[in-house]
């Protein structure tokens, strides 16, 4: 899961880099110059945190039994946990005047990004699972359940 989320973050970072190179006035450009790495590393860590949450909360369930809002909620929970770890370690948002503002600046984007990535992961998993179900139905003889 971490590698899939890292690939997504790398791709999004590549798009931001491309836009920045085409449009020099792009507002996110001057913040970081290595967007693929900036988004791939937290993507990997967020995917790993989400895997832990999914392993605990979603065990013994198949992808078709899981709802998209619940999956997104678990993703947000994993992102908030990872963001909370960053806040506890004193990383990021050092110029924020208070701990609460720093926590909101870090945990908010992590939670939102993880919820979006988790929803995409469930949609991708359902697409990958569908052909197997179709193949199994085609292979079983008629009349057998």
Protein backbone atom coordinates (compact mmCIF):
# COMPACT_ATOMS: atom_id res chain seq x y z
CA UNK A 1 0.00 0.00 0.00
CA UNK A 2 2.86 2.33 0.81
CA UNK A 3 4.40 1.85 -2.63
CA UNK A 4 1.09 2.47 -4.39
CA UNK A 5 0.51 5.66 -2.43
CA UNK A 6 4.11 6.75 -3.03
CA UNK A 7 3.61 6.24 -6.76
CA UNK A 8 0.47 8.36 -6.59
CA UNK A 9 2.30 11.10 -4.70
CA UNK A 10 5.18 10.94 -7.17
CA UNK A 11 2.76 11.28 -10.08
CA UNK A 12 0.95 14.22 -8.51
CA UNK A 13 4.30 15.84 -7.76
CA UNK A 14 5.32 15.33 -11.37
CA UNK A 15 2.18 17.09 -12.54
CA UNK A 16 2.89 20.01 -10.19
CA UNK A 17 6.49 20.19 -11.49
CA UNK A 18 5.25 20.14 -15.08
CA UNK A 19 2.73 22.90 -14.43
CA UNK A 20 5.37 24.96 -12.62
CA UNK A 21 7.81 24.60 -15.54
CA UNK A 22 5.13 25.60 -18.04
CA UNK A 23 3.63 28.38 -15.90
CA UNK A 24 6.36 30.12 -13.83
CA UNK A 25 3.78 32.08 -11.83
CA UNK A 26 2.16 28.90 -10.47
CA UNK A 27 1.62 29.52 -6.74
CA UNK A 28 3.00 26.16 -5.49
CA UNK A 29 6.18 26.35 -7.54
CA UNK A 30 8.59 28.30 -5.36
CA UNK A 31 7.71 26.41 -2.16
CA UNK A 32 9.56 23.21 -3.16
CA UNK A 33 11.56 22.42 -6.26
CA UNK A 34 11.33 18.64 -5.95
CA UNK A 35 7.59 18.02 -5.75
CA UNK A 36 7.69 14.33 -6.75
CA UNK A 37 9.91 13.45 -3.78
CA UNK A 38 8.08 15.87 -1.47
CA UNK A 39 4.80 14.05 -2.11
CA UNK A 40 6.12 10.49 -2.62
CA UNK A 41 7.80 10.19 0.78
CA UNK A 42 4.72 11.14 2.86
CA UNK A 43 2.65 9.07 0.42
CA UNK A 44 4.69 5.99 1.29
CA UNK A 45 4.46 6.67 5.01
CA UNK A 46 0.72 7.42 4.76
CA UNK A 47 0.12 4.20 2.84
CA UNK A 48 2.00 2.24 5.49
CA UNK A 49 -0.01 3.91 8.29
CA UNK A 50 -3.23 3.20 6.41
CA UNK A 51 -2.23 -0.45 6.04
CA UNK A 52 -1.98 -0.72 9.81
CA UNK A 53 -5.39 0.90 10.30
CA UNK A 54 -6.93 -1.29 7.57
CA UNK A 55 -5.37 -4.41 9.06
CA UNK A 56 -6.96 -3.65 12.41
CA UNK A 57 -10.33 -2.25 11.36
CA UNK A 58 -11.02 -4.13 8.14
CA UNK A 59 -9.73 -7.62 8.80
CA UNK A 60 -11.81 -10.56 7.60
CA UNK A 61 -13.70 -8.40 5.11
CA UNK A 62 -13.51 -8.38 1.34
CA UNK A 63 -13.38 -5.18 -0.70
CA UNK A 64 -17.01 -5.48 -1.81
CA UNK A 65 -18.09 -5.53 1.86
CA UNK A 66 -16.35 -2.23 2.63
CA UNK A 67 -18.07 1.08 1.98
CA UNK A 68 -16.27 3.98 0.36
CA UNK A 69 -17.04 6.45 3.21
CA UNK A 70 -15.77 4.00 5.84
CA UNK A 71 -12.60 3.35 3.82
CA UNK A 72 -12.06 7.11 3.43
CA UNK A 73 -12.56 7.52 7.18
CA UNK A 74 -9.95 4.88 7.90
CA UNK A 75 -7.61 6.65 5.48
CA UNK A 76 -8.20 9.94 7.27
CA UNK A 77 -7.52 8.22 10.59
CA UNK A 78 -4.21 6.83 9.29
CA UNK A 79 -3.25 10.26 7.92
CA UNK A 80 -4.15 11.95 11.20
CA UNK A 81 -2.06 9.40 13.12
CA UNK A 82 0.93 10.00 10.88
CA UNK A 83 0.45 13.78 11.09
CA UNK A 84 0.13 13.51 14.86
CA UNK A 85 3.44 11.67 14.96
CA UNK A 86 5.05 14.49 12.98
CA UNK A 87 3.57 17.07 15.36
CA UNK A 88 4.79 15.10 18.38
CA UNK A 89 8.29 14.94 16.88
CA UNK A 90 8.22 18.69 16.23
CA UNK A 91 8.45 18.36 12.44
CA UNK A 92 6.89 20.82 10.00
CA UNK A 93 5.00 24.01 10.67
CA UNK A 94 7.70 25.35 12.98
CA UNK A 95 6.68 28.93 12.22
CA UNK A 96 3.12 28.35 13.50
CA UNK A 97 2.47 30.37 16.66
CA UNK A 98 0.72 27.61 18.57
CA UNK A 99 0.74 23.84 18.84
CA UNK A 100 -2.92 23.65 17.76
CA UNK A 101 -2.28 25.62 14.60
CA UNK A 102 0.79 23.51 13.81
CA UNK A 103 -1.26 20.35 14.35
CA UNK A 104 -3.99 21.65 12.03
CA UNK A 105 -1.42 22.64 9.38
CA UNK A 106 0.10 19.15 9.37
CA UNK A 107 -2.74 16.80 10.30
CA UNK A 108 -5.36 18.46 8.08
CA UNK A 109 -3.61 17.91 4.74
CA UNK A 110 -2.39 14.47 5.81
CA UNK A 111 -5.93 13.41 6.75
CA UNK A 112 -7.47 14.81 3.57
CA UNK A 113 -4.80 13.35 1.31
CA UNK A 114 -5.01 9.97 3.01
CA UNK A 115 -8.81 9.90 2.73
CA UNK A 116 -8.56 10.62 -1.01
CA UNK A 117 -5.81 8.03 -1.48
CA UNK A 118 -7.76 5.41 0.51
CA UNK A 119 -10.86 5.99 -1.62
CA UNK A 120 -8.77 5.60 -4.75
CA UNK A 121 -7.19 2.44 -3.34
CA UNK A 122 -10.60 0.88 -2.71
CA UNK A 123 -11.79 1.80 -6.19
CA UNK A 124 -8.62 0.31 -7.69
CA UNK A 125 -8.94 -2.85 -5.59
CA UNK A 126 -12.55 -3.31 -6.66
CA UNK A 127 -11.53 -2.96 -10.31
CA UNK A 128 -8.78 -5.53 -9.83
CA UNK A 129 -11.13 -7.93 -8.03
CA UNK A 130 -13.90 -7.71 -10.64
CA UNK A 131 -12.16 -9.67 -13.45
CA UNK A 132 -11.43 -12.56 -11.07
CA UNK A 133 -15.10 -12.78 -10.14
CA UNK A 134 -16.09 -12.74 -13.80
CA UNK A 135 -13.52 -15.43 -14.67
CA UNK A 136 -14.69 -17.62 -11.78
CA UNK A 137 -18.29 -17.33 -12.96
CA UNK A 138 -17.29 -18.29 -16.50
CA UNK A 139 -15.29 -21.31 -15.36
CA UNK A 140 -18.00 -22.83 -13.15
CA UNK A 141 -20.36 -25.20 -14.93
CA UNK A 142 -23.93 -24.07 -15.34
CA UNK A 143 -26.24 -25.14 -12.56
CA UNK A 144 -23.53 -25.30 -9.89
CA UNK A 145 -23.43 -22.65 -7.24
